């Protein structure tokens, strides 16, 4: 019973959050290129270049690649082969991009902003340019196509170095942490994306499709893109503004202008003044507050309250008093009668 109640409460909280009115995330801080991020970017770039240099000179890292390849992990633990065949899909560019774009698209529609989708597009564009150029430039062959034992297999027309699955997993799942709306969510999503990308990279080594050095360089390549995203935030902002301007122009051409509701005007009925009502001309007085209702003044000269004759309102049950006199006048003394 308690478990069902807790589950019901959690579902109610989720649906309550979904039912909130959409608002632009003006309170969300856009990540900036801080000094700490610059240090991390520089260290990751140095690690990237060190891995490339270690492979080019056929150092101990290349010998480790061959040892892992001869170990054949897929033969050592065949019971997890079926599961890892599906798990490696989390690093494929097509399925992961569709899943993440669907979530960020719903978030963009909900928050009336294009920043999540544009940031994802910028990160994937950087991924294709940088990783694709490195693959084609170094031309390394994979373990299944290796020709000479102990060689680095560089410059032979391959496209395996760095690992595209690993870099794509780092960027695609890491963009969720980058776009998180709170520090707590950013920490949890960063840990989740790190574990996911680590698993994807090791899975490619297990399946024998990548060298271990390919995976190390793929992690560094994906992390470099995530760390460099704040430099592209002004470009994302300009693109979002330009797209909104194009949308407004397209709506204006199609005549989809928002109609402005007309303010209902209540006509004022003016009654003709009778001959016996002679009121002095009054100058129009500008009202100090526009929201205050207009004051209707009774026609005729203004008299003091003490000089007004008491009038019994219509429909009143109180009989009129003939002996009532106005205020301020002397009241006659009534004779005393004996009882």
C-alpha atoms as a PDB file:
ATOM      1  CA  UNK A   1       0.000   0.000   0.000  1.00  0.00           C
ATOM      2  CA  UNK A   2       2.756   2.467   0.876  1.00  0.00           C
ATOM      3  CA  UNK A   3       4.596   1.654  -2.327  1.00  0.00           C
ATOM      4  CA  UNK A   4       1.486   2.320  -4.407  1.00  0.00           C
ATOM      5  CA  UNK A   5       0.860   5.594  -2.570  1.00  0.00           C
ATOM      6  CA  UNK A   6       4.447   6.752  -3.084  1.00  0.00           C
ATOM      7  CA  UNK A   7       4.250   5.843  -6.774  1.00  0.00           C
ATOM      8  CA  UNK A   8       0.966   7.740  -7.110  1.00  0.00           C
ATOM      9  CA  UNK A   9       2.443  10.814  -5.426  1.00  0.00           C
ATOM     10  CA  UNK A  10       5.474  10.760  -7.697  1.00  0.00           C
ATOM     11  CA  UNK A  11       3.293  10.477 -10.787  1.00  0.00           C
ATOM     12  CA  UNK A  12       1.172  13.373  -9.552  1.00  0.00           C
ATOM     13  CA  UNK A  13       4.308  15.480  -9.142  1.00  0.00           C
ATOM     14  CA  UNK A  14       5.478  14.610 -12.653  1.00  0.00           C
ATOM     15  CA  UNK A  15       2.133  15.513 -14.221  1.00  0.00           C
ATOM     16  CA  UNK A  16       1.967  18.687 -12.134  1.00  0.00           C
ATOM     17  CA  UNK A  17       5.308  19.753 -13.608  1.00  0.00           C
ATOM     18  CA  UNK A  18       4.095  18.944 -17.104  1.00  0.00           C
ATOM     19  CA  UNK A  19       0.976  21.057 -16.588  1.00  0.00           C
ATOM     20  CA  UNK A  20       2.920  24.214 -15.731  1.00  0.00           C
ATOM     21  CA  UNK A  21       2.628  27.186 -17.969  1.00  0.00           C
ATOM     22  CA  UNK A  22       5.534  27.400 -20.445  1.00  0.00           C
ATOM     23  CA  UNK A  23       8.071  30.090 -19.679  1.00  0.00           C
ATOM     24  CA  UNK A  24      11.269  31.195 -21.321  1.00  0.00           C
ATOM     25  CA  UNK A  25      14.267  30.054 -19.266  1.00  0.00           C
ATOM     26  CA  UNK A  26      15.521  33.563 -18.552  1.00  0.00           C
ATOM     27  CA  UNK A  27      16.766  32.507 -15.124  1.00  0.00           C
ATOM     28  CA  UNK A  28      19.016  29.755 -16.509  1.00  0.00           C
ATOM     29  CA  UNK A  29      22.661  30.765 -16.650  1.00  0.00           C
ATOM     30  CA  UNK A  30      24.363  30.067 -19.965  1.00  0.00           C
ATOM     31  CA  UNK A  31      27.758  28.382 -19.381  1.00  0.00           C
ATOM     32  CA  UNK A  32      30.672  30.719 -19.932  1.00  0.00           C
ATOM     33  CA  UNK A  33      34.281  30.047 -20.799  1.00  0.00           C
ATOM     34  CA  UNK A  34      35.616  30.396 -17.275  1.00  0.00           C
ATOM     35  CA  UNK A  35      39.239  29.993 -16.244  1.00  0.00           C
ATOM     36  CA  UNK A  36      38.540  26.523 -14.880  1.00  0.00           C
ATOM     37  CA  UNK A  37      37.019  25.448 -18.185  1.00  0.00           C
ATOM     38  CA  UNK A  38      39.970  26.864 -20.114  1.00  0.00           C
ATOM     39  CA  UNK A  39      42.366  24.844 -17.938  1.00  0.00           C
ATOM     40  CA  UNK A  40      40.352  21.671 -18.551  1.00  0.00           C
ATOM     41  CA  UNK A  41      40.243  22.375 -22.277  1.00  0.00           C
ATOM     42  CA  UNK A  42      44.022  22.895 -22.408  1.00  0.00           C
ATOM     43  CA  UNK A  43      44.709  19.705 -20.411  1.00  0.00           C
ATOM     44  CA  UNK A  44      42.360  17.653 -22.604  1.00  0.00           C
ATOM     45  CA  UNK A  45      43.952  19.038 -25.759  1.00  0.00           C
ATOM     46  CA  UNK A  46      47.405  18.095 -24.433  1.00  0.00           C
ATOM     47  CA  UNK A  47      46.129  14.579 -23.680  1.00  0.00           C
ATOM     48  CA  UNK A  48      44.673  14.373 -27.207  1.00  0.00           C
ATOM     49  CA  UNK A  49      47.980  15.340 -28.817  1.00  0.00           C
ATOM     50  CA  UNK A  50      49.895  12.941 -26.549  1.00  0.00           C
ATOM     51  CA  UNK A  51      47.742   9.995 -27.627  1.00  0.00           C
ATOM     52  CA  UNK A  52      48.225  10.861 -31.298  1.00  0.00           C
ATOM     53  CA  UNK A  53      51.977  11.183 -30.865  1.00  0.00           C
ATOM     54  CA  UNK A  54      52.186   7.888 -28.943  1.00  0.00           C
ATOM     55  CA  UNK A  55      50.418   6.074 -31.784  1.00  0.00           C
ATOM     56  CA  UNK A  56      52.419   7.769 -34.532  1.00  0.00           C
ATOM     57  CA  UNK A  57      55.758   6.714 -33.036  1.00  0.00           C
ATOM     58  CA  UNK A  58      54.457   3.164 -32.271  1.00  0.00           C
ATOM     59  CA  UNK A  59      55.149   3.469 -28.563  1.00  0.00           C
ATOM     60  CA  UNK A  60      54.049   1.235 -25.698  1.00  0.00           C
ATOM     61  CA  UNK A  61      50.437   2.272 -26.372  1.00  0.00           C
ATOM     62  CA  UNK A  62      50.485   0.500 -29.768  1.00  0.00           C
ATOM     63  CA  UNK A  63      51.925  -2.637 -28.149  1.00  0.00           C
ATOM     64  CA  UNK A  64      49.111  -2.476 -25.588  1.00  0.00           C
ATOM     65  CA  UNK A  65      46.593  -2.227 -28.426  1.00  0.00           C
ATOM     66  CA  UNK A  66      47.906  -5.457 -29.945  1.00  0.00           C
ATOM     67  CA  UNK A  67      47.951  -7.274 -26.600  1.00  0.00           C
ATOM     68  CA  UNK A  68      44.295  -6.400 -25.982  1.00  0.00           C
ATOM     69  CA  UNK A  69      43.406  -7.448 -29.522  1.00  0.00           C
ATOM     70  CA  UNK A  70      45.109 -10.848 -29.098  1.00  0.00           C
ATOM     71  CA  UNK A  71      43.364 -11.282 -25.747  1.00  0.00           C
ATOM     72  CA  UNK A  72      40.018 -11.258 -27.618  1.00  0.00           C
ATOM     73  CA  UNK A  73      37.618 -10.197 -24.849  1.00  0.00           C
ATOM     74  CA  UNK A  74      34.582 -11.340 -26.856  1.00  0.00           C
ATOM     75  CA  UNK A  75      35.910 -14.903 -26.546  1.00  0.00           C
ATOM     76  CA  UNK A  76      36.799 -14.567 -22.871  1.00  0.00           C
ATOM     77  CA  UNK A  77      33.295 -13.452 -21.821  1.00  0.00           C
ATOM     78  CA  UNK A  78      30.868 -14.641 -24.489  1.00  0.00           C
ATOM     79  CA  UNK A  79      27.862 -14.538 -22.132  1.00  0.00           C
ATOM     80  CA  UNK A  80      27.620 -10.734 -22.313  1.00  0.00           C
ATOM     81  CA  UNK A  81      28.096 -10.512 -26.060  1.00  0.00           C
ATOM     82  CA  UNK A  82      24.358 -10.311 -26.862  1.00  0.00           C
ATOM     83  CA  UNK A  83      23.763  -7.528 -24.345  1.00  0.00           C
ATOM     84  CA  UNK A  84      26.734  -5.445 -25.506  1.00  0.00           C
ATOM     85  CA  UNK A  85      25.592  -5.730 -29.129  1.00  0.00           C
ATOM     86  CA  UNK A  86      22.536  -3.683 -28.128  1.00  0.00           C
ATOM     87  CA  UNK A  87      24.367  -1.480 -25.649  1.00  0.00           C
ATOM     88  CA  UNK A  88      26.783  -0.189 -28.282  1.00  0.00           C
ATOM     89  CA  UNK A  89      23.814   1.422 -30.066  1.00  0.00           C
ATOM     90  CA  UNK A  90      23.996   4.162 -27.404  1.00  0.00           C
ATOM     91  CA  UNK A  91      27.079   5.378 -29.265  1.00  0.00           C
ATOM     92  CA  UNK A  92      25.671   5.328 -32.786  1.00  0.00           C
ATOM     93  CA  UNK A  93      25.053   8.782 -34.171  1.00  0.00           C
ATOM     94  CA  UNK A  94      21.662   8.213 -35.793  1.00  0.00           C
ATOM     95  CA  UNK A  95      19.623   6.605 -32.970  1.00  0.00           C
ATOM     96  CA  UNK A  96      21.147   8.714 -30.213  1.00  0.00           C
ATOM     97  CA  UNK A  97      20.696  11.963 -32.151  1.00  0.00           C
ATOM     98  CA  UNK A  98      17.012  11.141 -32.747  1.00  0.00           C
ATOM     99  CA  UNK A  99      16.373  10.340 -29.072  1.00  0.00           C
ATOM    100  CA  UNK A 100      18.162  13.394 -27.713  1.00  0.00           C
ATOM    101  CA  UNK A 101      16.681  15.695 -30.380  1.00  0.00           C
ATOM    102  CA  UNK A 102      13.161  14.484 -29.508  1.00  0.00           C
ATOM    103  CA  UNK A 103      13.675  15.350 -25.843  1.00  0.00           C
ATOM    104  CA  UNK A 104      15.315  18.711 -26.567  1.00  0.00           C
ATOM    105  CA  UNK A 105      12.650  19.510 -29.169  1.00  0.00           C
ATOM    106  CA  UNK A 106       9.892  19.010 -26.613  1.00  0.00           C
ATOM    107  CA  UNK A 107      11.842  21.151 -24.173  1.00  0.00           C
ATOM    108  CA  UNK A 108      12.299  23.888 -26.784  1.00  0.00           C
ATOM    109  CA  UNK A 109       8.580  23.893 -27.548  1.00  0.00           C
ATOM    110  CA  UNK A 110       7.717  23.936 -23.864  1.00  0.00           C
ATOM    111  CA  UNK A 111      10.070  26.791 -22.979  1.00  0.00           C
ATOM    112  CA  UNK A 112       9.597  28.845 -26.170  1.00  0.00           C
ATOM    113  CA  UNK A 113      13.291  28.827 -27.039  1.00  0.00           C
ATOM    114  CA  UNK A 114      15.420  27.222 -29.750  1.00  0.00           C
ATOM    115  CA  UNK A 115      18.643  27.163 -27.745  1.00  0.00           C
ATOM    116  CA  UNK A 116      18.557  23.409 -26.838  1.00  0.00           C
ATOM    117  CA  UNK A 117      18.101  22.299 -30.436  1.00  0.00           C
ATOM    118  CA  UNK A 118      20.594  24.811 -31.816  1.00  0.00           C
ATOM    119  CA  UNK A 119      23.196  23.808 -29.233  1.00  0.00           C
ATOM    120  CA  UNK A 120      22.721  20.152 -30.141  1.00  0.00           C
ATOM    121  CA  UNK A 121      23.080  20.995 -33.828  1.00  0.00           C
ATOM    122  CA  UNK A 122      26.264  22.998 -33.185  1.00  0.00           C
ATOM    123  CA  UNK A 123      27.810  20.181 -31.136  1.00  0.00           C
ATOM    124  CA  UNK A 124      27.010  17.526 -33.761  1.00  0.00           C
ATOM    125  CA  UNK A 125      28.396  19.770 -36.494  1.00  0.00           C
ATOM    126  CA  UNK A 126      31.636  20.219 -34.559  1.00  0.00           C
ATOM    127  CA  UNK A 127      31.746  16.471 -33.950  1.00  0.00           C
ATOM    128  CA  UNK A 128      31.417  15.608 -37.626  1.00  0.00           C
ATOM    129  CA  UNK A 129      34.008  18.170 -38.695  1.00  0.00           C
ATOM    130  CA  UNK A 130      36.713  17.484 -36.103  1.00  0.00           C
ATOM    131  CA  UNK A 131      36.392  13.724 -35.681  1.00  0.00           C
ATOM    132  CA  UNK A 132      35.745  13.153 -39.382  1.00  0.00           C
ATOM    133  CA  UNK A 133      38.789  15.181 -40.363  1.00  0.00           C
ATOM    134  CA  UNK A 134      40.965  13.300 -37.861  1.00  0.00           C
ATOM    135  CA  UNK A 135      39.725   9.927 -39.115  1.00  0.00           C
ATOM    136  CA  UNK A 136      40.422  10.715 -42.748  1.00  0.00           C
ATOM    137  CA  UNK A 137      43.692  12.510 -42.003  1.00  0.00           C
ATOM    138  CA  UNK A 138      45.309   9.697 -40.011  1.00  0.00           C
ATOM    139  CA  UNK A 139      43.764   6.805 -41.986  1.00  0.00           C
ATOM    140  CA  UNK A 140      44.289   4.076 -39.384  1.00  0.00           C
ATOM    141  CA  UNK A 141      42.995   0.571 -39.953  1.00  0.00           C
ATOM    142  CA  UNK A 142      40.954  -1.271 -37.332  1.00  0.00           C
ATOM    143  CA  UNK A 143      41.871  -4.510 -35.528  1.00  0.00           C
ATOM    144  CA  UNK A 144      39.904  -6.695 -37.971  1.00  0.00           C
ATOM    145  CA  UNK A 145      41.774  -5.206 -40.953  1.00  0.00           C
ATOM    146  CA  UNK A 146      45.297  -5.016 -39.472  1.00  0.00           C
ATOM    147  CA  UNK A 147      48.090  -6.102 -41.816  1.00  0.00           C
ATOM    148  CA  UNK A 148      51.373  -6.080 -39.860  1.00  0.00           C
ATOM    149  CA  UNK A 149      51.600  -7.240 -36.247  1.00  0.00           C
ATOM    150  CA  UNK A 150      53.008  -4.521 -33.996  1.00  0.00           C
ATOM    151  CA  UNK A 151      52.504  -1.649 -36.451  1.00  0.00           C
ATOM    152  CA  UNK A 152      50.339   1.372 -35.822  1.00  0.00           C
ATOM    153  CA  UNK A 153      48.422   0.827 -39.087  1.00  0.00           C
ATOM    154  CA  UNK A 154      48.465   4.570 -39.828  1.00  0.00           C
ATOM    155  CA  UNK A 155      48.032   6.113 -43.256  1.00  0.00           C
ATOM    156  CA  UNK A 156      46.494   3.018 -44.845  1.00  0.00           C
ATOM    157  CA  UNK A 157      43.120   4.502 -45.773  1.00  0.00           C
ATOM    158  CA  UNK A 158      41.208   3.496 -42.657  1.00  0.00           C
ATOM    159  CA  UNK A 159      38.748   5.611 -40.660  1.00  0.00           C
ATOM    160  CA  UNK A 160      38.957   4.148 -37.179  1.00  0.00           C
ATOM    161  CA  UNK A 161      41.108   6.635 -35.224  1.00  0.00           C
ATOM    162  CA  UNK A 162      39.593   8.225 -33.093  1.00  0.00           C
ATOM    163  CA  UNK A 163      36.560   6.157 -32.120  1.00  0.00           C
ATOM    164  CA  UNK A 164      33.414   7.801 -33.500  1.00  0.00           C
ATOM    165  CA  UNK A 165      31.118   5.746 -31.229  1.00  0.00           C
ATOM    166  CA  UNK A 166      32.947   6.950 -28.132  1.00  0.00           C
ATOM    167  CA  UNK A 167      33.115  10.605 -29.168  1.00  0.00           C
ATOM    168  CA  UNK A 168      29.470  10.574 -30.181  1.00  0.00           C
ATOM    169  CA  UNK A 169      28.436   9.082 -26.837  1.00  0.00           C
ATOM    170  CA  UNK A 170      30.390  11.754 -24.968  1.00  0.00           C
ATOM    171  CA  UNK A 171      28.859  14.615 -26.967  1.00  0.00           C
ATOM    172  CA  UNK A 172      25.289  13.366 -27.377  1.00  0.00           C
ATOM    173  CA  UNK A 173      24.687  12.407 -23.749  1.00  0.00           C
ATOM    174  CA  UNK A 174      26.943  15.125 -22.379  1.00  0.00           C
ATOM    175  CA  UNK A 175      24.856  17.820 -24.080  1.00  0.00           C
ATOM    176  CA  UNK A 176      22.021  16.955 -21.686  1.00  0.00           C
ATOM    177  CA  UNK A 177      24.264  17.830 -18.748  1.00  0.00           C
ATOM    178  CA  UNK A 178      25.470  20.972 -20.523  1.00  0.00           C
ATOM    179  CA  UNK A 179      21.869  22.179 -20.977  1.00  0.00           C
ATOM    180  CA  UNK A 180      20.694  21.184 -17.487  1.00  0.00           C
ATOM    181  CA  UNK A 181      18.622  23.819 -15.703  1.00  0.00           C
ATOM    182  CA  UNK A 182      20.045  23.308 -12.203  1.00  0.00           C
ATOM    183  CA  UNK A 183      23.469  22.461 -10.721  1.00  0.00           C
ATOM    184  CA  UNK A 184      22.119  19.268  -9.165  1.00  0.00           C
ATOM    185  CA  UNK A 185      20.737  18.010 -12.479  1.00  0.00           C
ATOM    186  CA  UNK A 186      23.992  18.962 -14.185  1.00  0.00           C
ATOM    187  CA  UNK A 187      26.014  16.863 -11.722  1.00  0.00           C
ATOM    188  CA  UNK A 188      23.775  13.811 -12.075  1.00  0.00           C
ATOM    189  CA  UNK A 189      23.618  14.032 -15.856  1.00  0.00           C
ATOM    190  CA  UNK A 190      27.389  14.545 -16.087  1.00  0.00           C
ATOM    191  CA  UNK A 191      27.987  11.364 -14.093  1.00  0.00           C
ATOM    192  CA  UNK A 192      25.418   9.449 -16.158  1.00  0.00           C
ATOM    193  CA  UNK A 193      26.880  10.590 -19.481  1.00  0.00           C
ATOM    194  CA  UNK A 194      30.421   9.768 -18.315  1.00  0.00           C
ATOM    195  CA  UNK A 195      29.424   6.228 -17.327  1.00  0.00           C
ATOM    196  CA  UNK A 196      27.498   5.727 -20.582  1.00  0.00           C
ATOM    197  CA  UNK A 197      30.335   6.911 -22.803  1.00  0.00           C
ATOM    198  CA  UNK A 198      32.865   4.880 -20.805  1.00  0.00           C
ATOM    199  CA  UNK A 199      30.734   1.764 -21.306  1.00  0.00           C
ATOM    200  CA  UNK A 200      30.316   2.429 -25.030  1.00  0.00           C
ATOM    201  CA  UNK A 201      34.062   2.837 -25.518  1.00  0.00           C
ATOM    202  CA  UNK A 202      34.943  -0.340 -23.649  1.00  0.00           C
ATOM    203  CA  UNK A 203      32.218  -2.196 -25.547  1.00  0.00           C
ATOM    204  CA  UNK A 204      33.863  -1.358 -28.870  1.00  0.00           C
ATOM    205  CA  UNK A 205      37.141  -2.752 -27.508  1.00  0.00           C
ATOM    206  CA  UNK A 206      35.315  -5.875 -26.317  1.00  0.00           C
ATOM    207  CA  UNK A 207      33.742  -6.398 -29.748  1.00  0.00           C
ATOM    208  CA  UNK A 208      37.123  -5.913 -31.446  1.00  0.00           C
ATOM    209  CA  UNK A 209      36.003  -3.008 -33.648  1.00  0.00           C
ATOM    210  CA  UNK A 210      38.420  -0.449 -32.119  1.00  0.00           C
ATOM    211  CA  UNK A 211      41.853  -0.300 -30.627  1.00  0.00           C
ATOM    212  CA  UNK A 212      42.161   0.837 -27.026  1.00  0.00           C
ATOM    213  CA  UNK A 213      43.963   3.989 -28.185  1.00  0.00           C
ATOM    214  CA  UNK A 214      41.015   4.747 -30.487  1.00  0.00           C
ATOM    215  CA  UNK A 215      38.724   4.841 -27.466  1.00  0.00           C
ATOM    216  CA  UNK A 216      41.081   7.063 -25.476  1.00  0.00           C
ATOM    217  CA  UNK A 217      41.264   9.553 -28.334  1.00  0.00           C
ATOM    218  CA  UNK A 218      37.474   9.405 -28.803  1.00  0.00           C
ATOM    219  CA  UNK A 219      36.910  10.360 -25.155  1.00  0.00           C
ATOM    220  CA  UNK A 220      39.283  13.292 -25.514  1.00  0.00           C
ATOM    221  CA  UNK A 221      37.693  14.422 -28.805  1.00  0.00           C
ATOM    222  CA  UNK A 222      34.170  14.424 -27.365  1.00  0.00           C
ATOM    223  CA  UNK A 223      35.253  16.213 -24.195  1.00  0.00           C
ATOM    224  CA  UNK A 224      36.994  18.918 -26.222  1.00  0.00           C
ATOM    225  CA  UNK A 225      33.738  19.662 -28.049  1.00  0.00           C
ATOM    226  CA  UNK A 226      31.736  19.928 -24.816  1.00  0.00           C
ATOM    227  CA  UNK A 227      34.345  22.188 -23.222  1.00  0.00           C
ATOM    228  CA  UNK A 228      34.472  24.458 -26.300  1.00  0.00           C
ATOM    229  CA  UNK A 229      30.684  24.968 -26.565  1.00  0.00           C
ATOM    230  CA  UNK A 230      30.611  28.253 -24.548  1.00  0.00           C
ATOM    231  CA  UNK A 231      32.663  29.863 -27.316  1.00  0.00           C
ATOM    232  CA  UNK A 232      29.775  29.182 -29.705  1.00  0.00           C
ATOM    233  CA  UNK A 233      26.990  30.504 -27.455  1.00  0.00           C
ATOM    234  CA  UNK A 234      26.938  33.975 -29.132  1.00  0.00           C
ATOM    235  CA  UNK A 235      26.535  32.264 -32.507  1.00  0.00           C
ATOM    236  CA  UNK A 236      23.659  30.168 -31.132  1.00  0.00           C
ATOM    237  CA  UNK A 237      21.984  33.325 -29.805  1.00  0.00           C
ATOM    238  CA  UNK A 238      22.295  35.079 -33.182  1.00  0.00           C
ATOM    239  CA  UNK A 239      20.892  32.058 -34.981  1.00  0.00           C
ATOM    240  CA  UNK A 240      17.924  31.892 -32.602  1.00  0.00           C
ATOM    241  CA  UNK A 241      17.184  35.592 -33.048  1.00  0.00           C
ATOM    242  CA  UNK A 242      17.428  35.287 -36.823  1.00  0.00           C
ATOM    243  CA  UNK A 243      15.075  32.306 -36.909  1.00  0.00           C
ATOM    244  CA  UNK A 244      12.495  34.156 -34.812  1.00  0.00           C
ATOM    245  CA  UNK A 245      12.722  37.146 -37.159  1.00  0.00           C
ATOM    246  CA  UNK A 246      12.178  34.893 -40.173  1.00  0.00           C
ATOM    247  CA  UNK A 247       9.195  33.302 -38.449  1.00  0.00           C
ATOM    248  CA  UNK A 248       7.616  36.696 -37.763  1.00  0.00           C
ATOM    249  CA  UNK A 249       8.133  37.761 -41.374  1.00  0.00           C
ATOM    250  CA  UNK A 250       6.598  34.547 -42.664  1.00  0.00           C
ATOM    251  CA  UNK A 251       3.578  35.007 -40.424  1.00  0.00           C
ATOM    252  CA  UNK A 252       3.222  38.604 -41.568  1.00  0.00           C
ATOM    253  CA  UNK A 253       3.264  37.542 -45.223  1.00  0.00           C
ATOM    254  CA  UNK A 254       0.578  34.963 -44.631  1.00  0.00           C
ATOM    255  CA  UNK A 255      -1.518  37.528 -42.775  1.00  0.00           C
ATOM    256  CA  UNK A 256      -1.363  35.683 -39.489  1.00  0.00           C
ATOM    257  CA  UNK A 257      -1.220  38.845 -37.458  1.00  0.00           C
ATOM    258  CA  UNK A 258      -2.646  38.696 -33.989  1.00  0.00           C
ATOM    259  CA  UNK A 259      -5.871  40.755 -33.873  1.00  0.00           C
ATOM    260  CA  UNK A 260      -5.923  43.427 -31.200  1.00  0.00           C
ATOM    261  CA  UNK A 261      -9.172  43.219 -29.203  1.00  0.00           C
ATOM    262  CA  UNK A 262     -11.187  46.441 -29.442  1.00  0.00           C
ATOM    263  CA  UNK A 263     -12.004  48.180 -26.183  1.00  0.00           C
ATOM    264  CA  UNK A 264     -15.777  48.418 -25.780  1.00  0.00           C
ATOM    265  CA  UNK A 265     -16.888  52.033 -25.559  1.00  0.00           C
ATOM    266  CA  UNK A 266     -20.038  52.731 -23.586  1.00  0.00           C
ATOM    267  CA  UNK A 267     -22.028  55.604 -25.127  1.00  0.00           C
ATOM    268  CA  UNK A 268     -22.815  58.512 -22.832  1.00  0.00           C
ATOM    269  CA  UNK A 269     -26.434  59.670 -22.971  1.00  0.00           C
ATOM    270  CA  UNK A 270     -26.739  63.422 -22.568  1.00  0.00           C
ATOM    271  CA  UNK A 271     -30.041  64.800 -21.244  1.00  0.00           C
ATOM    272  CA  UNK A 272     -31.200  68.234 -22.435  1.00  0.00           C
ATOM    273  CA  UNK A 273     -31.040  70.933 -19.811  1.00  0.00           C
ATOM    274  CA  UNK A 274     -34.348  72.475 -18.809  1.00  0.00           C
ATOM    275  CA  UNK A 275     -35.027  76.200 -18.851  1.00  0.00           C
ATOM    276  CA  UNK A 276     -35.136  76.555 -15.098  1.00  0.00           C
ATOM    277  CA  UNK A 277     -31.665  75.066 -14.650  1.00  0.00           C
ATOM    278  CA  UNK A 278     -29.102  77.812 -14.982  1.00  0.00           C
ATOM    279  CA  UNK A 279     -25.629  76.546 -14.203  1.00  0.00           C
ATOM    280  CA  UNK A 280     -22.488  78.575 -14.637  1.00  0.00           C
ATOM    281  CA  UNK A 281     -20.057  77.379 -17.301  1.00  0.00           C
ATOM    282  CA  UNK A 282     -17.330  75.146 -15.887  1.00  0.00           C
ATOM    283  CA  UNK A 283     -13.870  74.671 -17.238  1.00  0.00           C
ATOM    284  CA  UNK A 284     -12.814  71.098 -17.995  1.00  0.00           C
ATOM    285  CA  UNK A 285     -10.528  69.727 -15.309  1.00  0.00           C
ATOM    286  CA  UNK A 286      -7.932  67.154 -16.305  1.00  0.00           C
ATOM    287  CA  UNK A 287      -8.114  64.073 -14.199  1.00  0.00           C
ATOM    288  CA  UNK A 288      -4.999  63.210 -12.262  1.00  0.00           C
ATOM    289  CA  UNK A 289      -5.575  59.476 -12.449  1.00  0.00           C
ATOM    290  CA  UNK A 290      -6.942  57.964 -15.607  1.00  0.00           C
ATOM    291  CA  UNK A 291      -8.265  54.868 -13.887  1.00  0.00           C
ATOM    292  CA  UNK A 292     -10.595  56.848 -11.562  1.00  0.00           C
ATOM    293  CA  UNK A 293     -14.229  56.865 -12.597  1.00  0.00           C
ATOM    294  CA  UNK A 294     -15.635  60.236 -13.773  1.00  0.00           C
ATOM    295  CA  UNK A 295     -17.403  62.281 -11.147  1.00  0.00           C
ATOM    296  CA  UNK A 296     -20.914  63.346 -12.097  1.00  0.00           C
ATOM    297  CA  UNK A 297     -21.830  66.695 -10.575  1.00  0.00           C
ATOM    298  CA  UNK A 298     -25.388  67.672 -10.025  1.00  0.00           C
ATOM    299  CA  UNK A 299     -26.494  70.770 -11.971  1.00  0.00           C
ATOM    300  CA  UNK A 300     -27.150  73.988 -10.162  1.00  0.00           C
ATOM    301  CA  UNK A 301     -25.232  76.185  -7.744  1.00  0.00           C
ATOM    302  CA  UNK A 302     -23.324  74.468  -4.983  1.00  0.00           C
ATOM    303  CA  UNK A 303     -24.908  74.864  -1.566  1.00  0.00           C
ATOM    304  CA  UNK A 304     -23.520  74.066   1.817  1.00  0.00           C
ATOM    305  CA  UNK A 305     -24.760  71.000   3.599  1.00  0.00           C
ATOM    306  CA  UNK A 306     -26.278  73.096   6.394  1.00  0.00           C
ATOM    307  CA  UNK A 307     -28.365  75.049   3.880  1.00  0.00           C
ATOM    308  CA  UNK A 308     -29.814  72.012   2.085  1.00  0.00           C
ATOM    309  CA  UNK A 309     -33.476  71.140   2.649  1.00  0.00           C
ATOM    310  CA  UNK A 310     -33.937  67.600   3.913  1.00  0.00           C
ATOM    311  CA  UNK A 311     -35.605  65.460   1.316  1.00  0.00           C
ATOM    312  CA  UNK A 312     -37.230  62.156   2.020  1.00  0.00           C
ATOM    313  CA  UNK A 313     -36.085  59.582  -0.507  1.00  0.00           C
ATOM    314  CA  UNK A 314     -38.653  58.005  -2.781  1.00  0.00           C
ATOM    315  CA  UNK A 315     -40.060  54.733  -1.542  1.00  0.00           C
ATOM    316  CA  UNK A 316     -39.108  55.416   2.060  1.00  0.00           C
ATOM    317  CA  UNK A 317     -41.542  54.323   4.754  1.00  0.00           C
ATOM    318  CA  UNK A 318     -40.582  57.206   6.987  1.00  0.00           C
ATOM    319  CA  UNK A 319     -43.253  59.928   6.951  1.00  0.00           C
ATOM    320  CA  UNK A 320     -42.096  63.433   6.177  1.00  0.00           C
ATOM    321  CA  UNK A 321     -41.584  65.762   9.137  1.00  0.00           C
ATOM    322  CA  UNK A 322     -43.240  69.100   8.554  1.00  0.00           C
ATOM    323  CA  UNK A 323     -41.692  70.600  11.632  1.00  0.00           C
ATOM    324  CA  UNK A 324     -38.080  69.789  10.571  1.00  0.00           C
ATOM    325  CA  UNK A 325     -36.005  72.885   9.946  1.00  0.00           C
ATOM    326  CA  UNK A 326     -32.683  73.287   8.236  1.00  0.00           C
ATOM    327  CA  UNK A 327     -29.498  73.231  10.271  1.00  0.00           C
ATOM    328  CA  UNK A 328     -27.980  76.490  11.421  1.00  0.00           C
ATOM    329  CA  UNK A 329     -31.336  78.228  12.049  1.00  0.00           C
ATOM    330  CA  UNK A 330     -32.744  78.995  15.448  1.00  0.00           C
ATOM    331  CA  UNK A 331     -35.424  76.556  16.507  1.00  0.00           C
ATOM    332  CA  UNK A 332     -38.535  78.098  18.080  1.00  0.00           C
ATOM    333  CA  UNK A 333     -39.187  77.367  21.721  1.00  0.00           C
ATOM    334  CA  UNK A 334     -42.138  75.053  22.210  1.00  0.00           C
ATOM    335  CA  UNK A 335     -44.610  76.013  24.927  1.00  0.00           C
ATOM    336  CA  UNK A 336     -44.725  73.744  27.874  1.00  0.00           C
ATOM    337  CA  UNK A 337     -48.038  72.138  28.522  1.00  0.00           C
ATOM    338  CA  UNK A 338     -48.997  70.795  31.801  1.00  0.00           C
ATOM    339  CA  UNK A 339     -49.579  67.138  32.057  1.00  0.00           C
END
